[in-house]
C-alpha atoms as a PDB file:
ATOM      1  CA  MET A   1      -5.816  -5.141  -2.547  1.00  0.00           C
ATOM      2  CA  PRO A   2      -6.076  -4.879  -6.419  1.00  0.00           C
ATOM      3  CA  ASN A   3      -7.645  -7.734  -8.313  1.00  0.00           C
ATOM      4  CA  LEU A   4      -4.793 -10.233  -8.414  1.00  0.00           C
ATOM      5  CA  ILE A   5      -6.811 -12.666 -10.452  1.00  0.00           C
ATOM      6  CA  THR A   6      -6.694 -10.363 -13.494  1.00  0.00           C
ATOM      7  CA  ARG A   7      -2.848 -10.351 -13.412  1.00  0.00           C
ATOM      8  CA  THR A   8      -1.635 -13.868 -13.899  1.00  0.00           C
ATOM      9  CA  LEU A   9       1.421 -13.472 -16.144  1.00  0.00           C
ATOM     10  CA  LEU A  10       4.830 -12.643 -14.901  1.00  0.00           C
ATOM     11  CA  GLY A  11       6.412  -9.508 -16.562  1.00  0.00           C
ATOM     12  CA  LEU A  12       9.919 -10.767 -17.081  1.00  0.00           C
ATOM     13  CA  SER A  13      10.956  -8.001 -19.423  1.00  0.00           C
ATOM     14  CA  LEU A  14       9.759  -5.380 -16.965  1.00  0.00           C
ATOM     15  CA  LEU A  15      11.537  -7.086 -14.110  1.00  0.00           C
ATOM     16  CA  ALA A  16      14.787  -6.667 -16.094  1.00  0.00           C
ATOM     17  CA  ALA A  17      13.981  -2.987 -16.774  1.00  0.00           C
ATOM     18  CA  ALA A  18      13.669  -2.392 -13.017  1.00  0.00           C
ATOM     19  CA  CYS A  19      17.251  -3.524 -12.488  1.00  0.00           C
ATOM     20  CA  ILE A  20      18.849  -0.833 -14.366  1.00  0.00           C
ATOM     21  CA  ALA A  21      20.900   2.140 -13.340  1.00  0.00           C
ATOM     22  CA  GLN A  22      19.745   4.710 -10.823  1.00  0.00           C
ATOM     23  CA  ALA A  23      17.105   7.331 -11.354  1.00  0.00           C
ATOM     24  CA  ASP A  24      15.914   6.592 -14.836  1.00  0.00           C
ATOM     25  CA  PRO A  25      12.753   8.428 -16.226  1.00  0.00           C
ATOM     26  CA  ALA A  26       9.680   6.231 -15.965  1.00  0.00           C
ATOM     27  CA  LEU A  27       9.080   6.665 -19.574  1.00  0.00           C
ATOM     28  CA  SER A  28      12.416   4.973 -20.449  1.00  0.00           C
ATOM     29  CA  VAL A  29      12.075   2.203 -17.866  1.00  0.00           C
ATOM     30  CA  LEU A  30       8.530   1.353 -19.074  1.00  0.00           C
ATOM     31  CA  GLY A  31       9.538   1.553 -22.704  1.00  0.00           C
ATOM     32  CA  LYS A  32       6.588   3.535 -24.018  1.00  0.00           C
ATOM     33  CA  ASP A  33       4.210   6.343 -23.229  1.00  0.00           C
ATOM     34  CA  TYR A  34       0.714   5.810 -21.842  1.00  0.00           C
ATOM     35  CA  VAL A  35      -2.556   7.807 -22.476  1.00  0.00           C
ATOM     36  CA  PHE A  36      -4.944   7.542 -19.444  1.00  0.00           C
ATOM     37  CA  PRO A  37      -8.502   6.501 -20.249  1.00  0.00           C
ATOM     38  CA  ASN A  38      -9.963   9.637 -18.617  1.00  0.00           C
ATOM     39  CA  LYS A  39      -8.815  13.208 -19.025  1.00  0.00           C
ATOM     40  CA  LEU A  40      -8.966  14.721 -15.555  1.00  0.00           C
ATOM     41  CA  GLU A  41      -8.273  18.297 -14.628  1.00  0.00           C
ATOM     42  CA  GLY A  42      -5.044  18.747 -12.512  1.00  0.00           C
ATOM     43  CA  LEU A  43      -3.728  15.285 -13.458  1.00  0.00           C
ATOM     44  CA  PRO A  44      -1.517  14.006 -16.284  1.00  0.00           C
ATOM     45  CA  ALA A  45      -3.312  13.133 -19.486  1.00  0.00           C
ATOM     46  CA  LYS A  46      -0.410  10.728 -20.389  1.00  0.00           C
ATOM     47  CA  LEU A  47       2.586   9.370 -18.698  1.00  0.00           C
ATOM     48  CA  SER A  48       5.021  11.714 -20.441  1.00  0.00           C
ATOM     49  CA  ASP A  49       3.164  14.658 -18.823  1.00  0.00           C
ATOM     50  CA  PHE A  50       4.690  13.537 -15.528  1.00  0.00           C
ATOM     51  CA  LYS A  51       8.244  14.469 -16.486  1.00  0.00           C
ATOM     52  CA  ASP A  52       9.519  14.197 -12.848  1.00  0.00           C
ATOM     53  CA  LEU A  53       8.579  10.612 -12.356  1.00  0.00           C
ATOM     54  CA  GLN A  54      11.433   8.224 -12.044  1.00  0.00           C
ATOM     55  CA  ILE A  55      11.876   4.449 -11.359  1.00  0.00           C
ATOM     56  CA  ASN A  56      14.942   3.393  -9.471  1.00  0.00           C
ATOM     57  CA  SER A  57      16.083   0.154  -7.729  1.00  0.00           C
ATOM     58  CA  PHE A  58      18.502  -1.275  -5.038  1.00  0.00           C
ATOM     59  CA  ARG A  59      19.452  -4.684  -3.800  1.00  0.00           C
ATOM     60  CA  THR A  60      18.519  -5.881  -0.357  1.00  0.00           C
ATOM     61  CA  SER A  61      20.890  -7.643   2.064  1.00  0.00           C
ATOM     62  CA  ASP A  62      19.432 -10.951   1.029  1.00  0.00           C
ATOM     63  CA  GLY A  63      20.043 -10.176  -2.628  1.00  0.00           C
ATOM     64  CA  VAL A  64      16.610  -9.219  -3.924  1.00  0.00           C
ATOM     65  CA  LYS A  65      16.353  -6.360  -6.532  1.00  0.00           C
ATOM     66  CA  LEU A  66      13.535  -3.894  -5.333  1.00  0.00           C
ATOM     67  CA  ALA A  67      12.100  -1.113  -7.464  1.00  0.00           C
ATOM     68  CA  TYR A  68      10.870   2.172  -6.200  1.00  0.00           C
ATOM     69  CA  TRP A  69       9.190   5.062  -7.820  1.00  0.00           C
ATOM     70  CA  GLU A  70      10.032   8.610  -7.029  1.00  0.00           C
ATOM     71  CA  ALA A  71       9.266  12.209  -7.858  1.00  0.00           C
ATOM     72  CA  GLY A  72       9.530  15.695  -6.462  1.00  0.00           C
ATOM     73  CA  LYS A  73      11.865  17.485  -4.097  1.00  0.00           C
ATOM     74  CA  GLY A  74      11.553  18.543  -0.440  1.00  0.00           C
ATOM     75  CA  ARG A  75      10.836  16.578   2.782  1.00  0.00           C
ATOM     76  CA  PRO A  76      10.619  12.832   2.113  1.00  0.00           C
ATOM     77  CA  ILE A  77       7.539  10.698   2.419  1.00  0.00           C
ATOM     78  CA  VAL A  78       7.721   6.954   1.834  1.00  0.00           C
ATOM     79  CA  PHE A  79       4.617   5.036   0.671  1.00  0.00           C
ATOM     80  CA  VAL A  80       4.327   1.324   1.225  1.00  0.00           C
ATOM     81  CA  PRO A  81       1.700  -0.301  -0.980  1.00  0.00           C
ATOM     82  CA  GLY A  82      -0.764  -3.007  -0.034  1.00  0.00           C
ATOM     83  CA  TRP A  83      -0.741  -6.658  -0.947  1.00  0.00           C
ATOM     84  CA  SER A  84      -0.292  -7.136  -4.725  1.00  0.00           C
ATOM     85  CA  ALA A  85      -0.097  -3.396  -5.259  1.00  0.00           C
ATOM     86  CA  ASN A  86       2.622  -1.252  -6.748  1.00  0.00           C
ATOM     87  CA  GLY A  87       4.007   2.215  -7.369  1.00  0.00           C
ATOM     88  CA  ALA A  88       2.100   2.524 -10.714  1.00  0.00           C
ATOM     89  CA  GLU A  89      -1.218   2.802  -8.810  1.00  0.00           C
ATOM     90  CA  TYR A  90       0.156   5.732  -6.847  1.00  0.00           C
ATOM     91  CA  ILE A  91       0.706   7.773 -10.039  1.00  0.00           C
ATOM     92  CA  ASN A  92      -2.014  10.438  -9.185  1.00  0.00           C
ATOM     93  CA  VAL A  93      -1.037  10.691  -5.448  1.00  0.00           C
ATOM     94  CA  MET A  94       2.584  11.023  -6.435  1.00  0.00           C
ATOM     95  CA  TYR A  95       1.865  13.724  -9.032  1.00  0.00           C
ATOM     96  CA  LEU A  96      -0.126  15.796  -6.552  1.00  0.00           C
ATOM     97  CA  LEU A  97       2.318  15.358  -3.601  1.00  0.00           C
ATOM     98  CA  SER A  98       5.510  15.823  -5.661  1.00  0.00           C
ATOM     99  CA  LYS A  99       4.841  19.528  -6.023  1.00  0.00           C
ATOM    100  CA  ARG A 100       5.810  19.823  -2.308  1.00  0.00           C
ATOM    101  CA  TYR A 101       7.528  16.671  -1.235  1.00  0.00           C
ATOM    102  CA  HIS A 102      10.160  14.131  -2.363  1.00  0.00           C
ATOM    103  CA  VAL A 103       7.816  11.150  -2.835  1.00  0.00           C
ATOM    104  CA  TYR A 104       8.918   7.522  -2.846  1.00  0.00           C
ATOM    105  CA  VAL A 105       6.782   4.482  -3.372  1.00  0.00           C
ATOM    106  CA  LEU A 106       8.382   1.018  -2.772  1.00  0.00           C
ATOM    107  CA  ASP A 107       7.476  -1.926  -4.871  1.00  0.00           C
ATOM    108  CA  PRO A 108       7.651  -4.780  -2.295  1.00  0.00           C
ATOM    109  CA  ARG A 109       9.352  -8.016  -3.339  1.00  0.00           C
ATOM    110  CA  ASN A 110       7.195 -10.030  -5.616  1.00  0.00           C
ATOM    111  CA  GLN A 111       5.018  -7.016  -6.427  1.00  0.00           C
ATOM    112  CA  GLY A 112       5.253  -4.209  -9.108  1.00  0.00           C
ATOM    113  CA  LEU A 113       8.563  -4.106 -10.901  1.00  0.00           C
ATOM    114  CA  SER A 114      10.458  -5.758  -7.988  1.00  0.00           C
ATOM    115  CA  GLN A 115      12.126  -9.172  -8.342  1.00  0.00           C
ATOM    116  CA  ARG A 116      10.114 -12.416  -7.900  1.00  0.00           C
ATOM    117  CA  VAL A 117      11.624 -14.743  -5.233  1.00  0.00           C
ATOM    118  CA  GLU A 118      10.503 -17.681  -3.267  1.00  0.00           C
ATOM    119  CA  TYR A 119      12.052 -16.523  -0.006  1.00  0.00           C
ATOM    120  CA  GLY A 120      11.671 -13.701   2.484  1.00  0.00           C
ATOM    121  CA  ASN A 121       7.850 -13.651   1.965  1.00  0.00           C
ATOM    122  CA  ARG A 122       7.040 -12.601   5.482  1.00  0.00           C
ATOM    123  CA  ILE A 123       5.965  -9.217   6.874  1.00  0.00           C
ATOM    124  CA  ALA A 124       9.003  -9.036   9.131  1.00  0.00           C
ATOM    125  CA  ARG A 125      11.364  -9.391   5.996  1.00  0.00           C
ATOM    126  CA  TYR A 126       9.242  -6.715   4.238  1.00  0.00           C
ATOM    127  CA  ALA A 127       9.892  -4.470   7.181  1.00  0.00           C
ATOM    128  CA  MET A 128      13.646  -5.103   6.888  1.00  0.00           C
ATOM    129  CA  ASP A 129      13.385  -4.300   3.151  1.00  0.00           C
ATOM    130  CA  LEU A 130      11.779  -1.039   4.154  1.00  0.00           C
ATOM    131  CA  LYS A 131      14.554  -0.258   6.589  1.00  0.00           C
ATOM    132  CA  GLU A 132      17.144  -1.028   3.839  1.00  0.00           C
ATOM    133  CA  LEU A 133      15.325   1.345   1.454  1.00  0.00           C
ATOM    134  CA  GLY A 134      15.821   4.061   4.006  1.00  0.00           C
ATOM    135  CA  GLY A 135      19.441   3.227   4.347  1.00  0.00           C
ATOM    136  CA  HIS A 136      19.825   3.167   0.509  1.00  0.00           C
ATOM    137  CA  LEU A 137      18.199   6.659   0.270  1.00  0.00           C
ATOM    138  CA  LYS A 138      20.099   7.916   3.368  1.00  0.00           C
ATOM    139  CA  LEU A 139      16.862   8.992   5.055  1.00  0.00           C
ATOM    140  CA  ALA A 140      17.605  10.068   8.553  1.00  0.00           C
ATOM    141  CA  SER A 141      14.004  10.884   9.096  1.00  0.00           C
ATOM    142  CA  ALA A 142      10.836  10.686   6.808  1.00  0.00           C
ATOM    143  CA  ASP A 143       7.161  10.363   6.917  1.00  0.00           C
ATOM    144  CA  TYR A 144       5.834   6.921   6.152  1.00  0.00           C
ATOM    145  CA  CYS A 145       2.471   6.010   4.868  1.00  0.00           C
ATOM    146  CA  GLY A 146       1.259   2.386   4.609  1.00  0.00           C
ATOM    147  CA  TRP A 147      -1.918   1.386   2.872  1.00  0.00           C
ATOM    148  CA  SER A 148      -3.610  -1.979   3.650  1.00  0.00           C
ATOM    149  CA  MET A 149      -0.751  -4.546   3.999  1.00  0.00           C
ATOM    150  CA  GLY A 150       1.635  -1.612   3.803  1.00  0.00           C
ATOM    151  CA  ALA A 151       0.487  -0.431   7.162  1.00  0.00           C
ATOM    152  CA  SER A 152       1.319  -3.813   8.639  1.00  0.00           C
ATOM    153  CA  VAL A 153       4.824  -3.606   7.168  1.00  0.00           C
ATOM    154  CA  ILE A 154       5.278  -0.222   8.971  1.00  0.00           C
ATOM    155  CA  TRP A 155       3.889  -1.752  12.179  1.00  0.00           C
ATOM    156  CA  SER A 156       6.478  -4.500  11.905  1.00  0.00           C
ATOM    157  CA  TYR A 157       9.162  -1.972  11.195  1.00  0.00           C
ATOM    158  CA  ILE A 158       8.216  -0.125  14.391  1.00  0.00           C
ATOM    159  CA  ASP A 159       8.143  -3.337  16.350  1.00  0.00           C
ATOM    160  CA  LEU A 160      11.505  -4.360  15.214  1.00  0.00           C
ATOM    161  CA  PHE A 161      13.400  -0.964  14.912  1.00  0.00           C
ATOM    162  CA  GLY A 162      11.293   1.624  16.727  1.00  0.00           C
ATOM    163  CA  THR A 163      10.249   5.102  15.494  1.00  0.00           C
ATOM    164  CA  LYS A 164      13.591   7.006  15.478  1.00  0.00           C
ATOM    165  CA  SER A 165      13.574   7.411  11.700  1.00  0.00           C
ATOM    166  CA  ILE A 166       9.758   8.077  11.469  1.00  0.00           C
ATOM    167  CA  ARG A 167       8.643  11.660  11.728  1.00  0.00           C
ATOM    168  CA  LYS A 168       4.979  11.011  11.199  1.00  0.00           C
ATOM    169  CA  ALA A 169       3.077   7.866  10.391  1.00  0.00           C
ATOM    170  CA  ILE A 170       0.065   7.374   8.203  1.00  0.00           C
ATOM    171  CA  PHE A 171      -2.063   4.225   7.997  1.00  0.00           C
ATOM    172  CA  ILE A 172      -4.849   3.701   5.520  1.00  0.00           C
ATOM    173  CA  ASP A 173      -7.676   1.222   6.470  1.00  0.00           C
ATOM    174  CA  GLU A 174      -5.766  -1.844   7.526  1.00  0.00           C
ATOM    175  CA  PRO A 175      -7.293  -4.380  10.058  1.00  0.00           C
ATOM    176  CA  ILE A 176      -5.268  -4.712  13.268  1.00  0.00           C
ATOM    177  CA  SER A 177      -5.665  -8.531  13.011  1.00  0.00           C
ATOM    178  CA  ILE A 178      -7.150 -10.051   9.792  1.00  0.00           C
ATOM    179  CA  TYR A 179      -7.519 -13.445  11.397  1.00  0.00           C
ATOM    180  CA  SER A 180     -10.492 -13.610  13.779  1.00  0.00           C
ATOM    181  CA  HIS A 181      -9.580 -16.078  16.528  1.00  0.00           C
ATOM    182  CA  ALA A 182     -12.243 -18.577  17.597  1.00  0.00           C
ATOM    183  CA  ASP A 183     -12.010 -17.701  21.292  1.00  0.00           C
ATOM    184  CA  TRP A 184     -12.433 -13.867  20.688  1.00  0.00           C
ATOM    185  CA  SER A 185     -15.443 -12.018  21.892  1.00  0.00           C
ATOM    186  CA  GLU A 186     -17.450 -10.154  19.292  1.00  0.00           C
ATOM    187  CA  GLU A 187     -16.028  -6.925  20.751  1.00  0.00           C
ATOM    188  CA  GLU A 188     -12.421  -8.177  20.267  1.00  0.00           C
ATOM    189  CA  ARG A 189     -13.295  -9.200  16.584  1.00  0.00           C
ATOM    190  CA  VAL A 190     -14.743  -5.814  15.741  1.00  0.00           C
ATOM    191  CA  ASN A 191     -12.017  -3.885  17.428  1.00  0.00           C
ATOM    192  CA  SER A 192      -9.305  -5.844  15.710  1.00  0.00           C
ATOM    193  CA  GLY A 193     -10.967  -5.771  12.314  1.00  0.00           C
ATOM    194  CA  GLY A 194     -11.047  -9.588  12.035  1.00  0.00           C
ATOM    195  CA  MET A 195     -12.227 -10.475   8.501  1.00  0.00           C
ATOM    196  CA  THR A 196     -11.648 -14.141   8.176  1.00  0.00           C
ATOM    197  CA  THR A 197     -12.052 -17.397  10.237  1.00  0.00           C
ATOM    198  CA  SER A 198      -9.938 -19.379   7.664  1.00  0.00           C
ATOM    199  CA  ILE A 199      -6.689 -17.994   6.358  1.00  0.00           C
ATOM    200  CA  GLU A 200      -6.438 -20.797   3.885  1.00  0.00           C
ATOM    201  CA  ARG A 201      -9.840 -20.018   2.345  1.00  0.00           C
ATOM    202  CA  MET A 202      -9.049 -16.295   2.290  1.00  0.00           C
ATOM    203  CA  VAL A 203      -5.824 -16.903   0.406  1.00  0.00           C
ATOM    204  CA  ALA A 204      -7.612 -19.207  -2.101  1.00  0.00           C
ATOM    205  CA  ALA A 205     -10.331 -16.589  -2.656  1.00  0.00           C
ATOM    206  CA  PHE A 206      -7.955 -13.804  -3.185  1.00  0.00           C
ATOM    207  CA  THR A 207      -5.352 -15.581  -5.289  1.00  0.00           C
ATOM    208  CA  SER A 208      -7.383 -18.143  -7.264  1.00  0.00           C
ATOM    209  CA  GLY A 209     -10.989 -16.901  -7.148  1.00  0.00           C
ATOM    210  CA  VAL A 210     -12.251 -19.834  -5.153  1.00  0.00           C
ATOM    211  CA  PRO A 211     -15.790 -19.131  -4.045  1.00  0.00           C
ATOM    212  CA  THR A 212     -16.422 -18.122  -0.432  1.00  0.00           C
ATOM    213  CA  ASN A 213     -18.985 -16.392   1.730  1.00  0.00           C
ATOM    214  CA  SER A 214     -19.139 -13.504   4.117  1.00  0.00           C
ATOM    215  CA  LEU A 215     -19.156 -15.836   7.229  1.00  0.00           C
ATOM    216  CA  VAL A 216     -15.656 -17.020   6.224  1.00  0.00           C
ATOM    217  CA  VAL A 217     -14.059 -14.059   4.454  1.00  0.00           C
ATOM    218  CA  ASP A 218     -15.150 -10.421   4.381  1.00  0.00           C
ATOM    219  CA  MET A 219     -15.083  -9.534   0.637  1.00  0.00           C
ATOM    220  CA  LYS A 220     -16.329  -5.985   1.011  1.00  0.00           C
ATOM    221  CA  ALA A 221     -12.913  -4.546  -0.027  1.00  0.00           C
ATOM    222  CA  MET A 222     -12.820  -6.572  -3.192  1.00  0.00           C
ATOM    223  CA  GLN A 223     -16.317  -5.628  -4.041  1.00  0.00           C
ATOM    224  CA  ARG A 224     -15.562  -2.000  -3.657  1.00  0.00           C
ATOM    225  CA  TYR A 225     -12.544  -2.439  -5.892  1.00  0.00           C
ATOM    226  CA  MET A 226     -14.615  -4.065  -8.604  1.00  0.00           C
ATOM    227  CA  ALA A 227     -17.160  -1.143  -8.476  1.00  0.00           C
ATOM    228  CA  LYS A 228     -14.861   0.933 -10.838  1.00  0.00           C
ATOM    229  CA  ASP A 229     -16.768   3.993  -9.567  1.00  0.00           C
ATOM    230  CA  SER A 230     -13.995   6.538  -9.652  1.00  0.00           C
ATOM    231  CA  PRO A 231     -12.324   7.928 -12.836  1.00  0.00           C
ATOM    232  CA  TYR A 232      -9.197   8.576 -10.896  1.00  0.00           C
ATOM    233  CA  SER A 233      -8.778   4.953  -9.802  1.00  0.00           C
ATOM    234  CA  VAL A 234      -9.931   3.787 -13.184  1.00  0.00           C
ATOM    235  CA  ASN A 235      -6.896   5.701 -14.648  1.00  0.00           C
ATOM    236  CA  SER A 236      -4.340   4.524 -12.144  1.00  0.00           C
ATOM    237  CA  GLU A 237      -5.520   0.955 -12.158  1.00  0.00           C
ATOM    238  CA  ALA A 238      -5.537   0.831 -16.040  1.00  0.00           C
ATOM    239  CA  PHE A 239      -1.955   2.214 -16.045  1.00  0.00           C
ATOM    240  CA  ALA A 240      -0.852  -0.433 -13.498  1.00  0.00           C
ATOM    241  CA  ASN A 241      -2.463  -3.266 -15.377  1.00  0.00           C
ATOM    242  CA  THR A 242      -0.733  -2.187 -18.627  1.00  0.00           C
ATOM    243  CA  PHE A 243       2.684  -2.461 -17.198  1.00  0.00           C
ATOM    244  CA  ILE A 244       2.572  -4.697 -14.115  1.00  0.00           C
ATOM    245  CA  GLN A 245       1.711  -8.454 -13.918  1.00  0.00           C
ATOM    246  CA  ASN A 246       1.603 -10.400 -10.609  1.00  0.00           C
ATOM    247  CA  ASP A 247       2.109 -14.044 -10.236  1.00  0.00           C
ATOM    248  CA  PRO A 248      -0.234 -15.847  -7.668  1.00  0.00           C
ATOM    249  CA  LYS A 249       2.490 -18.398  -7.060  1.00  0.00           C
ATOM    250  CA  TYR A 250       4.430 -15.683  -5.291  1.00  0.00           C
ATOM    251  CA  MET A 251       1.775 -13.511  -3.961  1.00  0.00           C
ATOM    252  CA  LYS A 252      -0.012 -16.266  -1.940  1.00  0.00           C
ATOM    253  CA  GLN A 253       3.084 -16.849   0.309  1.00  0.00           C
ATOM    254  CA  VAL A 254       3.163 -13.387   1.899  1.00  0.00           C
ATOM    255  CA  LEU A 255      -0.677 -13.123   2.146  1.00  0.00           C
ATOM    256  CA  PHE A 256      -0.795 -16.182   4.585  1.00  0.00           C
ATOM    257  CA  ASP A 257       1.864 -14.690   6.791  1.00  0.00           C
ATOM    258  CA  HIS A 258       0.264 -11.257   6.569  1.00  0.00           C
ATOM    259  CA  ALA A 259      -3.276 -12.618   7.667  1.00  0.00           C
ATOM    260  CA  SER A 260      -1.819 -14.419  10.656  1.00  0.00           C
ATOM    261  CA  ASN A 261      -0.338 -11.457  12.472  1.00  0.00           C
ATOM    262  CA  ASP A 262      -2.012  -9.548  15.348  1.00  0.00           C
ATOM    263  CA  TRP A 263      -0.579  -6.114  15.772  1.00  0.00           C
ATOM    264  CA  ARG A 264      -2.591  -4.804  18.725  1.00  0.00           C
ATOM    265  CA  ASP A 265       0.404  -4.827  21.105  1.00  0.00           C
ATOM    266  CA  VAL A 266       2.355  -2.613  18.704  1.00  0.00           C
ATOM    267  CA  LEU A 267      -0.484  -0.061  18.370  1.00  0.00           C
ATOM    268  CA  ARG A 268      -1.076  -0.031  22.204  1.00  0.00           C
ATOM    269  CA  HIS A 269       2.615   0.317  23.158  1.00  0.00           C
ATOM    270  CA  LYS A 270       5.068   1.257  20.399  1.00  0.00           C
ATOM    271  CA  ILE A 271       3.732   4.014  18.204  1.00  0.00           C
ATOM    272  CA  ASP A 272       4.982   7.255  19.764  1.00  0.00           C
ATOM    273  CA  VAL A 273       4.935   9.659  16.745  1.00  0.00           C
ATOM    274  CA  PRO A 274       2.114  11.755  15.398  1.00  0.00           C
ATOM    275  CA  THR A 275      -0.251   9.409  13.383  1.00  0.00           C
ATOM    276  CA  ALA A 276      -3.006   9.826  10.964  1.00  0.00           C
ATOM    277  CA  ILE A 277      -5.497   7.003  10.275  1.00  0.00           C
ATOM    278  CA  PHE A 278      -7.678   7.030   7.112  1.00  0.00           C
ATOM    279  CA  THR A 279     -10.768   4.944   6.610  1.00  0.00           C
ATOM    280  CA  GLY A 280     -14.352   5.461   5.431  1.00  0.00           C
ATOM    281  CA  GLU A 281     -18.061   4.586   5.705  1.00  0.00           C
ATOM    282  CA  HIS A 282     -17.830   2.098   2.915  1.00  0.00           C
ATOM    283  CA  SER A 283     -15.233   0.076   4.864  1.00  0.00           C
ATOM    284  CA  ASN A 284     -16.182  -2.768   7.210  1.00  0.00           C
ATOM    285  CA  ASN A 285     -12.849  -1.913   8.941  1.00  0.00           C
ATOM    286  CA  LEU A 286     -14.092   1.401  10.243  1.00  0.00           C
ATOM    287  CA  PRO A 287     -14.549   0.166  13.854  1.00  0.00           C
ATOM    288  CA  SER A 288     -11.033  -1.200  14.072  1.00  0.00           C
ATOM    289  CA  GLN A 289      -9.754   2.144  12.846  1.00  0.00           C
ATOM    290  CA  ARG A 290     -11.625   3.880  15.558  1.00  0.00           C
ATOM    291  CA  TRP A 291     -10.071   1.414  18.119  1.00  0.00           C
ATOM    292  CA  ALA A 292      -6.644   2.146  16.683  1.00  0.00           C
ATOM    293  CA  GLN A 293      -7.127   5.903  17.052  1.00  0.00           C
ATOM    294  CA  SER A 294      -8.241   5.312  20.705  1.00  0.00           C
ATOM    295  CA  VAL A 295      -4.934   3.574  21.667  1.00  0.00           C
ATOM    296  CA  ILE A 296      -2.437   5.391  19.633  1.00  0.00           C
ATOM    297  CA  PRO A 297      -1.337   8.685  21.397  1.00  0.00           C
ATOM    298  CA  ASN A 298      -1.465  11.898  19.428  1.00  0.00           C
ATOM    299  CA  SER A 299      -3.351  10.223  16.487  1.00  0.00           C
ATOM    300  CA  SER A 300      -5.988  11.714  14.230  1.00  0.00           C
ATOM    301  CA  LEU A 301      -8.798   9.694  12.429  1.00  0.00           C
ATOM    302  CA  TYR A 302     -10.068  10.748   8.932  1.00  0.00           C
ATOM    303  CA  VAL A 303     -13.344   9.126   8.111  1.00  0.00           C
ATOM    304  CA  TYR A 304     -14.435   9.616   4.495  1.00  0.00           C
ATOM    305  CA  SER A 305     -18.239   9.471   3.681  1.00  0.00           C
ATOM    306  CA  LYS A 306     -19.677   7.241   1.125  1.00  0.00           C
ATOM    307  CA  GLU A 307     -19.994  10.200  -1.183  1.00  0.00           C
ATOM    308  CA  GLU A 308     -16.260  10.890  -0.750  1.00  0.00           C
ATOM    309  CA  GLN A 309     -15.315   7.368  -1.847  1.00  0.00           C
ATOM    310  CA  GLY A 310     -14.733   6.285   1.769  1.00  0.00           C
ATOM    311  CA  ASP A 311     -13.590   2.707   1.155  1.00  0.00           C
ATOM    312  CA  HIS A 312     -10.403   0.684   1.224  1.00  0.00           C
ATOM    313  CA  PHE A 313      -9.201   2.532  -1.936  1.00  0.00           C
ATOM    314  CA  LEU A 314      -9.994   6.040  -0.878  1.00  0.00           C
ATOM    315  CA  ALA A 315      -6.466   7.353  -1.655  1.00  0.00           C
ATOM    316  CA  PHE A 316      -6.782   6.238  -5.225  1.00  0.00           C
ATOM    317  CA  LYS A 317     -10.549   7.023  -5.714  1.00  0.00           C
ATOM    318  CA  ASN A 318     -10.331  10.411  -4.267  1.00  0.00           C
ATOM    319  CA  PRO A 319      -6.685  11.558  -4.643  1.00  0.00           C
ATOM    320  CA  PHE A 320      -7.412  15.254  -4.463  1.00  0.00           C
ATOM    321  CA  LYS A 321      -9.060  15.112  -1.054  1.00  0.00           C
ATOM    322  CA  PHE A 322      -6.666  12.449   0.326  1.00  0.00           C
ATOM    323  CA  THR A 323      -3.534  14.516  -0.650  1.00  0.00           C
ATOM    324  CA  SER A 324      -5.086  17.605   0.737  1.00  0.00           C
ATOM    325  CA  ASP A 325      -5.836  15.982   4.028  1.00  0.00           C
ATOM    326  CA  LEU A 326      -2.442  14.347   4.123  1.00  0.00           C
ATOM    327  CA  ARG A 327      -0.624  17.572   3.498  1.00  0.00           C
ATOM    328  CA  ALA A 328      -2.602  19.309   6.238  1.00  0.00           C
ATOM    329  CA  PHE A 329      -1.554  16.587   8.617  1.00  0.00           C
ATOM    330  CA  LEU A 330       2.039  16.650   7.634  1.00  0.00           C
ATOM    331  CA  GLU A 331       2.337  20.390   7.969  1.00  0.00           C
ATOM    332  CA  ARG A 332       0.475  20.630  11.268  1.00  0.00           C
END
């Protein structure tokens, strides 16, 4: 859930760049090199150091040009970013994993380098987009990792299409139901991860900066994002902010639909592949992730401590630990 408020201009030239021929080097798509603010051992100092990184695109069945980032060779793993996020933010994760896997990160419609459109802004359509990406890439089977809203996209995918093409599933810190219904018990709210009692006020807070309070919207994730307490995420976020601009006009549409879904039935009945769930002590969503692990057969829960940057952004704030734990799960 990156800070959408700081990205208010639409990058039309970059959208055009995303619609080019297949498998172009990221450097040529983005048009210039980039030097990361922090020099970090084991990670690129500049974009051109990641020579394997490419940016590609395909057109969906409803005519939308979607970009995806890719690197590496080997068994495929597909990442689905959260709301307002994009492949640029995964650059550290991609760099580390591409040494062993063929890594893909999809830019959802209206996010990253993908096309801006006023239609199809529902989680179910995003799930279809994910299915069509798999068809475009000819992926008979792959590992799928969803972070934040990206987890919901995979839950919708499983609800609609089953798990035949999913070898293993990975979910990072996503509430099972963002909206907390008025007739729920406190136990139901906690187990579901309910974080708002008003979807409209949540959308206004996240897209326009309208003031709210913790009784209406849980802002812990946004507060942890604003902490800027990891040089790894500072690098990836600065890179993304340089090349990607989101437009609130488009982003608010999917957020409303996203927040209105309750995925408890999918988790209880439809996930039948080995599953990893990542969360942390800095996340108010930890109880719901424990509940998810209790109802998904053959699932493992990874809880990062506060010292390990265990919050909503743990994959970006602590990419070495995350990719190490992820590799261990994938190879198990």
